[in-house]
Amino acid sequence: TGFTKSIQMVQHIYKNDGELAASHKCVVAWMDLCL
């Protein structure tokens, strides 16, 4: 991501026959819930 506190996750959604139905990308980080 270019930021040491985040990552990119990629997900693929496959149909039962193995065919790709969709690709999904997201950028995730973690938060201190008090601060």
PDB file of all heavy atoms in Angstrom:
ATOM      1  N   THR A   1       0.814  -1.221   0.000  1.00  0.00           N
ATOM      2  CA  THR A   1       0.000   0.000   0.000  1.00  0.00           C
ATOM      3  C   THR A   1       0.845   1.267   0.000  1.00  0.00           C
ATOM      4  O   THR A   1       0.320   2.346  -0.223  1.00  0.00           O
ATOM      5  CB  THR A   1      -0.909   0.036   1.236  1.00  0.00           C
ATOM      6  OG1 THR A   1      -0.091   0.098   2.412  1.00  0.00           O
ATOM      7  CG2 THR A   1      -1.830  -1.168   1.285  1.00  0.00           C
ATOM      8  N   GLY A   2       2.143   1.142   0.318  1.00  0.00           N
ATOM      9  CA  GLY A   2       2.989   2.326   0.434  1.00  0.00           C
ATOM     10  C   GLY A   2       2.930   2.935   1.824  1.00  0.00           C
ATOM     11  O   GLY A   2       3.543   3.968   2.084  1.00  0.00           O
ATOM     12  N   PHE A   3       2.185   2.297   2.726  1.00  0.00           N
ATOM     13  CA  PHE A   3       2.030   2.770   4.105  1.00  0.00           C
ATOM     14  C   PHE A   3       2.309   1.575   5.002  1.00  0.00           C
ATOM     15  O   PHE A   3       1.671   0.535   4.855  1.00  0.00           O
ATOM     16  CB  PHE A   3       0.609   3.309   4.306  1.00  0.00           C
ATOM     17  CG  PHE A   3       0.310   3.856   5.661  1.00  0.00           C
ATOM     18  CD1 PHE A   3       1.144   4.781   6.278  1.00  0.00           C
ATOM     19  CD2 PHE A   3      -0.839   3.468   6.334  1.00  0.00           C
ATOM     20  CE1 PHE A   3       0.856   5.293   7.535  1.00  0.00           C
ATOM     21  CE2 PHE A   3      -1.141   3.987   7.592  1.00  0.00           C
ATOM     22  CZ  PHE A   3      -0.288   4.897   8.185  1.00  0.00           C
ATOM     23  N   THR A   4       3.247   1.697   5.927  1.00  0.00           N
ATOM     24  CA  THR A   4       3.665   0.554   6.750  1.00  0.00           C
ATOM     25  C   THR A   4       2.596   0.079   7.733  1.00  0.00           C
ATOM     26  O   THR A   4       2.731  -0.986   8.311  1.00  0.00           O
ATOM     27  CB  THR A   4       4.933   0.892   7.552  1.00  0.00           C
ATOM     28  OG1 THR A   4       4.668   2.012   8.400  1.00  0.00           O
ATOM     29  CG2 THR A   4       6.103   1.184   6.623  1.00  0.00           C
ATOM     30  N   LYS A   5       1.526   0.849   7.907  1.00  0.00           N
ATOM     31  CA  LYS A   5       0.479   0.471   8.855  1.00  0.00           C
ATOM     32  C   LYS A   5      -0.772  -0.083   8.180  1.00  0.00           C
ATOM     33  O   LYS A   5      -1.802  -0.251   8.823  1.00  0.00           O
ATOM     34  CB  LYS A   5       0.104   1.679   9.731  1.00  0.00           C
ATOM     35  CG  LYS A   5       1.244   2.125  10.635  1.00  0.00           C
ATOM     36  CD  LYS A   5       0.821   3.289  11.503  1.00  0.00           C
ATOM     37  CE  LYS A   5       1.954   3.727  12.401  1.00  0.00           C
ATOM     38  NZ  LYS A   5       1.552   4.851  13.263  1.00  0.00           N
ATOM     39  N   SER A   6      -0.697  -0.372   6.883  1.00  0.00           N
ATOM     40  CA  SER A   6      -1.860  -0.945   6.196  1.00  0.00           C
ATOM     41  C   SER A   6      -1.404  -2.022   5.223  1.00  0.00           C
ATOM     42  O   SER A   6      -0.242  -2.073   4.823  1.00  0.00           O
ATOM     43  CB  SER A   6      -2.664   0.132   5.462  1.00  0.00           C
ATOM     44  OG  SER A   6      -1.933   0.659   4.378  1.00  0.00           O
ATOM     45  N   ILE A   7      -2.350  -2.871   4.854  1.00  0.00           N
ATOM     46  CA  ILE A   7      -2.106  -3.932   3.879  1.00  0.00           C
ATOM     47  C   ILE A   7      -3.252  -3.940   2.879  1.00  0.00           C
ATOM     48  O   ILE A   7      -4.338  -3.429   3.158  1.00  0.00           O
ATOM     49  CB  ILE A   7      -2.011  -5.322   4.545  1.00  0.00           C
ATOM     50  CG1 ILE A   7      -3.289  -5.610   5.339  1.00  0.00           C
ATOM     51  CG2 ILE A   7      -0.763  -5.437   5.387  1.00  0.00           C
ATOM     52  CD1 ILE A   7      -3.453  -7.044   5.766  1.00  0.00           C
ATOM     53  N   GLN A   8      -2.987  -4.540   1.732  1.00  0.00           N
ATOM     54  CA  GLN A   8      -4.063  -4.784   0.774  1.00  0.00           C
ATOM     55  C   GLN A   8      -4.364  -6.273   0.785  1.00  0.00           C
ATOM     56  O   GLN A   8      -3.451  -7.100   0.689  1.00  0.00           O
ATOM     57  CB  GLN A   8      -3.672  -4.360  -0.639  1.00  0.00           C
ATOM     58  CG  GLN A   8      -4.800  -4.574  -1.640  1.00  0.00           C
ATOM     59  CD  GLN A   8      -4.372  -4.329  -3.062  1.00  0.00           C
ATOM     60  OE1 GLN A   8      -3.621  -5.103  -3.630  1.00  0.00           O
ATOM     61  NE2 GLN A   8      -4.846  -3.227  -3.616  1.00  0.00           N
ATOM     62  N   MET A   9      -5.635  -6.593   0.942  1.00  0.00           N
ATOM     63  CA  MET A   9      -6.092  -7.967   0.819  1.00  0.00           C
ATOM     64  C   MET A   9      -6.837  -8.083  -0.499  1.00  0.00           C
ATOM     65  O   MET A   9      -7.607  -7.193  -0.857  1.00  0.00           O
ATOM     66  CB  MET A   9      -7.040  -8.345   1.956  1.00  0.00           C
ATOM     67  CG  MET A   9      -6.385  -8.477   3.300  1.00  0.00           C
ATOM     68  SD  MET A   9      -7.598  -9.058   4.511  1.00  0.00           S
ATOM     69  CE  MET A   9      -6.584  -9.148   5.959  1.00  0.00           C
ATOM     70  N   VAL A  10      -6.583  -9.173  -1.213  1.00  0.00           N
ATOM     71  CA  VAL A  10      -7.284  -9.464  -2.453  1.00  0.00           C
ATOM     72  C   VAL A  10      -8.080 -10.738  -2.221  1.00  0.00           C
ATOM     73  O   VAL A  10      -7.582 -11.688  -1.613  1.00  0.00           O
ATOM     74  CB  VAL A  10      -6.300  -9.654  -3.629  1.00  0.00           C
ATOM     75  CG1 VAL A  10      -7.029 -10.079  -4.887  1.00  0.00           C
ATOM     76  CG2 VAL A  10      -5.511  -8.377  -3.862  1.00  0.00           C
ATOM     77  N   GLN A  11      -9.313 -10.718  -2.674  1.00  0.00           N
ATOM     78  CA  GLN A  11     -10.153 -11.896  -2.544  1.00  0.00           C
ATOM     79  C   GLN A  11     -10.741 -12.236  -3.907  1.00  0.00           C
ATOM     80  O   GLN A  11     -11.056 -11.344  -4.691  1.00  0.00           O
ATOM     81  CB  GLN A  11     -11.263 -11.637  -1.533  1.00  0.00           C
ATOM     82  CG  GLN A  11     -10.683 -11.425  -0.132  1.00  0.00           C
ATOM     83  CD  GLN A  11     -11.743 -11.143   0.885  1.00  0.00           C
ATOM     84  OE1 GLN A  11     -12.003  -9.992   1.178  1.00  0.00           O
ATOM     85  NE2 GLN A  11     -12.353 -12.195   1.408  1.00  0.00           N
ATOM     86  N   HIS A  12     -10.826 -13.523  -4.164  1.00  0.00           N
ATOM     87  CA  HIS A  12     -11.455 -13.995  -5.385  1.00  0.00           C
ATOM     88  C   HIS A  12     -12.654 -14.837  -5.002  1.00  0.00           C
ATOM     89  O   HIS A  12     -12.594 -15.612  -4.039  1.00  0.00           O
ATOM     90  CB  HIS A  12     -10.467 -14.790  -6.248  1.00  0.00           C
ATOM     91  CG  HIS A  12      -9.366 -13.932  -6.776  1.00  0.00           C
ATOM     92  ND1 HIS A  12      -8.112 -13.912  -6.235  1.00  0.00           N
ATOM     93  CD2 HIS A  12      -9.363 -13.032  -7.783  1.00  0.00           C
ATOM     94  CE1 HIS A  12      -7.373 -13.044  -6.894  1.00  0.00           C
ATOM     95  NE2 HIS A  12      -8.109 -12.484  -7.838  1.00  0.00           N
ATOM     96  N   ILE A  13     -13.719 -14.662  -5.742  1.00  0.00           N
ATOM     97  CA  ILE A  13     -14.945 -15.418  -5.522  1.00  0.00           C
ATOM     98  C   ILE A  13     -15.114 -16.339  -6.725  1.00  0.00           C
ATOM     99  O   ILE A  13     -15.250 -15.868  -7.860  1.00  0.00           O
ATOM    100  CB  ILE A  13     -16.163 -14.490  -5.376  1.00  0.00           C
ATOM    101  CG1 ILE A  13     -15.951 -13.537  -4.205  1.00  0.00           C
ATOM    102  CG2 ILE A  13     -17.443 -15.298  -5.203  1.00  0.00           C
ATOM    103  CD1 ILE A  13     -16.987 -12.441  -4.095  1.00  0.00           C
ATOM    104  N   TYR A  14     -15.071 -17.631  -6.461  1.00  0.00           N
ATOM    105  CA  TYR A  14     -15.174 -18.637  -7.521  1.00  0.00           C
ATOM    106  C   TYR A  14     -16.506 -19.360  -7.432  1.00  0.00           C
ATOM    107  O   TYR A  14     -16.962 -19.713  -6.338  1.00  0.00           O
ATOM    108  CB  TYR A  14     -14.057 -19.674  -7.396  1.00  0.00           C
ATOM    109  CG  TYR A  14     -12.681 -19.100  -7.591  1.00  0.00           C
ATOM    110  CD1 TYR A  14     -11.894 -18.744  -6.497  1.00  0.00           C
ATOM    111  CD2 TYR A  14     -12.152 -18.921  -8.863  1.00  0.00           C
ATOM    112  CE1 TYR A  14     -10.621 -18.224  -6.664  1.00  0.00           C
ATOM    113  CE2 TYR A  14     -10.879 -18.402  -9.043  1.00  0.00           C
ATOM    114  CZ  TYR A  14     -10.119 -18.056  -7.938  1.00  0.00           C
ATOM    115  OH  TYR A  14      -8.864 -17.543  -8.114  1.00  0.00           O
ATOM    116  N   LYS A  15     -17.104 -19.611  -8.584  1.00  0.00           N
ATOM    117  CA  LYS A  15     -18.305 -20.432  -8.654  1.00  0.00           C
ATOM    118  C   LYS A  15     -17.893 -21.895  -8.440  1.00  0.00           C
ATOM    119  O   LYS A  15     -16.713 -22.225  -8.472  1.00  0.00           O
ATOM    120  CB  LYS A  15     -18.984 -20.243 -10.009  1.00  0.00           C
ATOM    121  CG  LYS A  15     -19.539 -18.814 -10.183  1.00  0.00           C
ATOM    122  CD  LYS A  15     -19.956 -18.506 -11.604  1.00  0.00           C
ATOM    123  CE  LYS A  15     -21.196 -19.198 -12.050  1.00  0.00           C
ATOM    124  NZ  LYS A  15     -22.449 -18.616 -11.606  1.00  0.00           N
ATOM    125  N   ASN A  16     -18.881 -22.751  -8.219  1.00  0.00           N
ATOM    126  CA  ASN A  16     -18.623 -24.158  -7.912  1.00  0.00           C
ATOM    127  C   ASN A  16     -17.831 -24.872  -9.003  1.00  0.00           C
ATOM    128  O   ASN A  16     -17.074 -25.793  -8.731  1.00  0.00           O
ATOM    129  CB  ASN A  16     -19.947 -24.890  -7.641  1.00  0.00           C
ATOM    130  CG  ASN A  16     -19.742 -26.146  -6.842  1.00  0.00           C
ATOM    131  OD1 ASN A  16     -18.854 -26.224  -5.997  1.00  0.00           O
ATOM    132  ND2 ASN A  16     -20.562 -27.139  -7.095  1.00  0.00           N
ATOM    133  N   ASP A  17     -17.947 -24.413 -10.253  1.00  0.00           N
ATOM    134  CA  ASP A  17     -17.214 -25.040 -11.359  1.00  0.00           C
ATOM    135  C   ASP A  17     -15.799 -24.477 -11.516  1.00  0.00           C
ATOM    136  O   ASP A  17     -15.083 -24.812 -12.463  1.00  0.00           O
ATOM    137  CB  ASP A  17     -17.984 -24.910 -12.675  1.00  0.00           C
ATOM    138  CG  ASP A  17     -18.168 -23.461 -13.126  1.00  0.00           C
ATOM    139  OD1 ASP A  17     -17.658 -22.530 -12.456  1.00  0.00           O
ATOM    140  OD2 ASP A  17     -18.834 -23.252 -14.159  1.00  0.00           O
ATOM    141  N   GLY A  18     -15.383 -23.591 -10.591  1.00  0.00           N
ATOM    142  CA  GLY A  18     -14.053 -23.002 -10.640  1.00  0.00           C
ATOM    143  C   GLY A  18     -13.967 -21.700 -11.415  1.00  0.00           C
ATOM    144  O   GLY A  18     -12.924 -21.052 -11.435  1.00  0.00           O
ATOM    145  N   GLU A  19     -15.064 -21.275 -12.034  1.00  0.00           N
ATOM    146  CA  GLU A  19     -15.073 -20.030 -12.806  1.00  0.00           C
ATOM    147  C   GLU A  19     -15.023 -18.824 -11.864  1.00  0.00           C
ATOM    148  O   GLU A  19     -15.721 -18.788 -10.856  1.00  0.00           O
ATOM    149  CB  GLU A  19     -16.337 -19.983 -13.658  1.00  0.00           C
ATOM    150  CG  GLU A  19     -16.388 -18.814 -14.600  1.00  0.00           C
ATOM    151  CD  GLU A  19     -17.602 -18.851 -15.523  1.00  0.00           C
ATOM    152  OE1 GLU A  19     -18.611 -19.495 -15.165  1.00  0.00           O
ATOM    153  OE2 GLU A  19     -17.532 -18.227 -16.576  1.00  0.00           O
ATOM    154  N   LEU A  20     -14.214 -17.849 -12.208  1.00  0.00           N
ATOM    155  CA  LEU A  20     -14.093 -16.633 -11.413  1.00  0.00           C
ATOM    156  C   LEU A  20     -15.354 -15.791 -11.557  1.00  0.00           C
ATOM    157  O   LEU A  20     -15.723 -15.407 -12.666  1.00  0.00           O
ATOM    158  CB  LEU A  20     -12.866 -15.827 -11.842  1.00  0.00           C
ATOM    159  CG  LEU A  20     -12.595 -14.548 -11.070  1.00  0.00           C
ATOM    160  CD1 LEU A  20     -12.262 -14.846  -9.609  1.00  0.00           C
ATOM    161  CD2 LEU A  20     -11.457 -13.773 -11.721  1.00  0.00           C
ATOM    162  N   ALA A  21     -16.022 -15.498 -10.443  1.00  0.00           N
ATOM    163  CA  ALA A  21     -17.234 -14.681 -10.454  1.00  0.00           C
ATOM    164  C   ALA A  21     -16.916 -13.220 -10.159  1.00  0.00           C
ATOM    165  O   ALA A  21     -17.548 -12.320 -10.710  1.00  0.00           O
ATOM    166  CB  ALA A  21     -18.244 -15.206  -9.441  1.00  0.00           C
ATOM    167  N   ALA A  22     -15.932 -12.964  -9.277  1.00  0.00           N
ATOM    168  CA  ALA A  22     -15.595 -11.586  -8.920  1.00  0.00           C
ATOM    169  C   ALA A  22     -14.235 -11.549  -8.237  1.00  0.00           C
ATOM    170  O   ALA A  22     -13.783 -12.536  -7.662  1.00  0.00           O
ATOM    171  CB  ALA A  22     -16.654 -11.000  -7.992  1.00  0.00           C
ATOM    172  N   SER A  23     -13.613 -10.372  -8.303  1.00  0.00           N
ATOM    173  CA  SER A  23     -12.373 -10.091  -7.578  1.00  0.00           C
ATOM    174  C   SER A  23     -12.638  -8.879  -6.695  1.00  0.00           C
ATOM    175  O   SER A  23     -13.294  -7.929  -7.118  1.00  0.00           O
ATOM    176  CB  SER A  23     -11.234  -9.791  -8.547  1.00  0.00           C
ATOM    177  OG  SER A  23     -10.978 -10.906  -9.370  1.00  0.00           O
ATOM    178  N   HIS A  24     -12.122  -8.943  -5.492  1.00  0.00           N
ATOM    179  CA  HIS A  24     -12.406  -7.918  -4.488  1.00  0.00           C
ATOM    180  C   HIS A  24     -11.079  -7.497  -3.856  1.00  0.00           C
ATOM    181  O   HIS A  24     -10.280  -8.353  -3.472  1.00  0.00           O
ATOM    182  CB  HIS A  24     -13.335  -8.529  -3.431  1.00  0.00           C
ATOM    183  CG  HIS A  24     -13.840  -7.577  -2.421  1.00  0.00           C
ATOM    184  ND1 HIS A  24     -14.946  -6.790  -2.632  1.00  0.00           N
ATOM    185  CD2 HIS A  24     -13.417  -7.281  -1.181  1.00  0.00           C
ATOM    186  CE1 HIS A  24     -15.179  -6.057  -1.553  1.00  0.00           C
ATOM    187  NE2 HIS A  24     -14.255  -6.337  -0.662  1.00  0.00           N
ATOM    188  N   LYS A  25     -10.844  -6.195  -3.777  1.00  0.00           N
ATOM    189  CA  LYS A  25      -9.636  -5.663  -3.135  1.00  0.00           C
ATOM    190  C   LYS A  25     -10.048  -4.755  -1.995  1.00  0.00           C
ATOM    191  O   LYS A  25     -11.020  -3.999  -2.123  1.00  0.00           O
ATOM    192  CB  LYS A  25      -8.824  -4.817  -4.116  1.00  0.00           C
ATOM    193  CG  LYS A  25      -8.069  -5.553  -5.156  1.00  0.00           C
ATOM    194  CD  LYS A  25      -7.248  -4.536  -5.956  1.00  0.00           C
ATOM    195  CE  LYS A  25      -6.506  -5.162  -7.090  1.00  0.00           C
ATOM    196  NZ  LYS A  25      -5.729  -4.151  -7.841  1.00  0.00           N
ATOM    197  N   CYS A  26      -9.279  -4.796  -0.918  1.00  0.00           N
ATOM    198  CA  CYS A  26      -9.511  -3.828   0.156  1.00  0.00           C
ATOM    199  C   CYS A  26      -8.192  -3.492   0.838  1.00  0.00           C
ATOM    200  O   CYS A  26      -7.252  -4.274   0.807  1.00  0.00           O
ATOM    201  CB  CYS A  26     -10.536  -4.341   1.163  1.00  0.00           C
ATOM    202  SG  CYS A  26     -10.045  -5.820   2.027  1.00  0.00           S
ATOM    203  N   VAL A  27      -8.134  -2.300   1.403  1.00  0.00           N
ATOM    204  CA  VAL A  27      -6.986  -1.845   2.173  1.00  0.00           C
ATOM    205  C   VAL A  27      -7.430  -1.804   3.633  1.00  0.00           C
ATOM    206  O   VAL A  27      -8.445  -1.191   3.965  1.00  0.00           O
ATOM    207  CB  VAL A  27      -6.484  -0.466   1.698  1.00  0.00           C
ATOM    208  CG1 VAL A  27      -5.359   0.034   2.591  1.00  0.00           C
ATOM    209  CG2 VAL A  27      -6.028  -0.551   0.240  1.00  0.00           C
ATOM    210  N   VAL A  28      -6.664  -2.508   4.481  1.00  0.00           N
ATOM    211  CA  VAL A  28      -7.025  -2.704   5.879  1.00  0.00           C
ATOM    212  C   VAL A  28      -5.889  -2.234   6.778  1.00  0.00           C
ATOM    213  O   VAL A  28      -4.715  -2.404   6.452  1.00  0.00           O
ATOM    214  CB  VAL A  28      -7.288  -4.209   6.152  1.00  0.00           C
ATOM    215  CG1 VAL A  28      -7.701  -4.449   7.589  1.00  0.00           C
ATOM    216  CG2 VAL A  28      -8.326  -4.763   5.196  1.00  0.00           C
ATOM    217  N   ALA A  29      -6.256  -1.661   7.918  1.00  0.00           N
ATOM    218  CA  ALA A  29      -5.303  -1.292   8.960  1.00  0.00           C
ATOM    219  C   ALA A  29      -5.935  -1.667  10.304  1.00  0.00           C
ATOM    220  O   ALA A  29      -7.066  -2.152  10.355  1.00  0.00           O
ATOM    221  CB  ALA A  29      -4.988   0.207   8.903  1.00  0.00           C
ATOM    222  N   TRP A  30      -5.200  -1.427  11.384  1.00  0.00           N
ATOM    223  CA  TRP A  30      -5.722  -1.722  12.718  1.00  0.00           C
ATOM    224  C   TRP A  30      -5.733  -0.458  13.559  1.00  0.00           C
ATOM    225  O   TRP A  30      -4.845   0.374  13.463  1.00  0.00           O
ATOM    226  CB  TRP A  30      -4.883  -2.822  13.386  1.00  0.00           C
ATOM    227  CG  TRP A  30      -5.361  -4.164  12.978  1.00  0.00           C
ATOM    228  CD1 TRP A  30      -6.156  -5.003  13.699  1.00  0.00           C
ATOM    229  CD2 TRP A  30      -5.150  -4.813  11.730  1.00  0.00           C
ATOM    230  NE1 TRP A  30      -6.450  -6.132  12.975  1.00  0.00           N
ATOM    231  CE2 TRP A  30      -5.838  -6.040  11.750  1.00  0.00           C
ATOM    232  CE3 TRP A  30      -4.456  -4.486  10.574  1.00  0.00           C
ATOM    233  CZ2 TRP A  30      -5.844  -6.923  10.685  1.00  0.00           C
ATOM    234  CZ3 TRP A  30      -4.454  -5.368   9.503  1.00  0.00           C
ATOM    235  CH2 TRP A  30      -5.144  -6.567   9.573  1.00  0.00           C
ATOM    236  N   MET A  31      -6.779  -0.325  14.368  1.00  0.00           N
ATOM    237  CA  MET A  31      -6.989   0.866  15.168  1.00  0.00           C
ATOM    238  C   MET A  31      -6.988   0.518  16.656  1.00  0.00           C
ATOM    239  O   MET A  31      -7.591  -0.479  17.063  1.00  0.00           O
ATOM    240  CB  MET A  31      -8.342   1.508  14.810  1.00  0.00           C
ATOM    241  CG  MET A  31      -8.682   2.717  15.661  1.00  0.00           C
ATOM    242  SD  MET A  31     -10.371   3.312  15.412  1.00  0.00           S
ATOM    243  CE  MET A  31     -10.252   3.987  13.786  1.00  0.00           C
ATOM    244  N   ASP A  32      -6.325   1.347  17.438  1.00  0.00           N
ATOM    245  CA  ASP A  32      -6.445   1.280  18.890  1.00  0.00           C
ATOM    246  C   ASP A  32      -7.815   1.870  19.213  1.00  0.00           C
ATOM    247  O   ASP A  32      -8.071   3.050  18.940  1.00  0.00           O
ATOM    248  CB  ASP A  32      -5.327   2.095  19.545  1.00  0.00           C
ATOM    249  CG  ASP A  32      -5.383   2.054  21.061  1.00  0.00           C
ATOM    250  OD1 ASP A  32      -6.476   2.308  21.632  1.00  0.00           O
ATOM    251  OD2 ASP A  32      -4.340   1.799  21.679  1.00  0.00           O
ATOM    252  N   LEU A  33      -8.708   1.064  19.749  1.00  0.00           N
ATOM    253  CA  LEU A  33     -10.094   1.485  19.957  1.00  0.00           C
ATOM    254  C   LEU A  33     -10.259   2.473  21.103  1.00  0.00           C
ATOM    255  O   LEU A  33     -11.289   3.142  21.189  1.00  0.00           O
ATOM    256  CB  LEU A  33     -10.982   0.262  20.164  1.00  0.00           C
ATOM    257  CG  LEU A  33     -11.006  -0.705  18.973  1.00  0.00           C
ATOM    258  CD1 LEU A  33     -11.802  -1.953  19.308  1.00  0.00           C
ATOM    259  CD2 LEU A  33     -11.543  -0.028  17.730  1.00  0.00           C
ATOM    260  N   CYS A  34      -9.261   2.573  21.991  1.00  0.00           N
ATOM    261  CA  CYS A  34      -9.313   3.581  23.057  1.00  0.00           C
ATOM    262  C   CYS A  34      -8.787   4.925  22.560  1.00  0.00           C
ATOM    263  O   CYS A  34      -9.418   5.955  22.763  1.00  0.00           O
ATOM    264  CB  CYS A  34      -8.504   3.118  24.268  1.00  0.00           C
ATOM    265  SG  CYS A  34      -9.184   1.650  25.062  1.00  0.00           S
ATOM    266  N   LEU A  35      -7.633   4.898  21.890  1.00  0.00           N
ATOM    267  CA  LEU A  35      -7.019   6.130  21.391  1.00  0.00           C
ATOM    268  C   LEU A  35      -7.641   6.612  20.090  1.00  0.00           C
ATOM    269  O   LEU A  35      -7.467   7.760  19.706  1.00  0.00           O
ATOM    270  CB  LEU A  35      -5.515   5.927  21.180  1.00  0.00           C
ATOM    271  CG  LEU A  35      -4.694   5.569  22.410  1.00  0.00           C
ATOM    272  CD1 LEU A  35      -3.249   5.285  22.027  1.00  0.00           C
ATOM    273  CD2 LEU A  35      -4.792   6.676  23.450  1.00  0.00           C
TER     274      LEU A  35
END
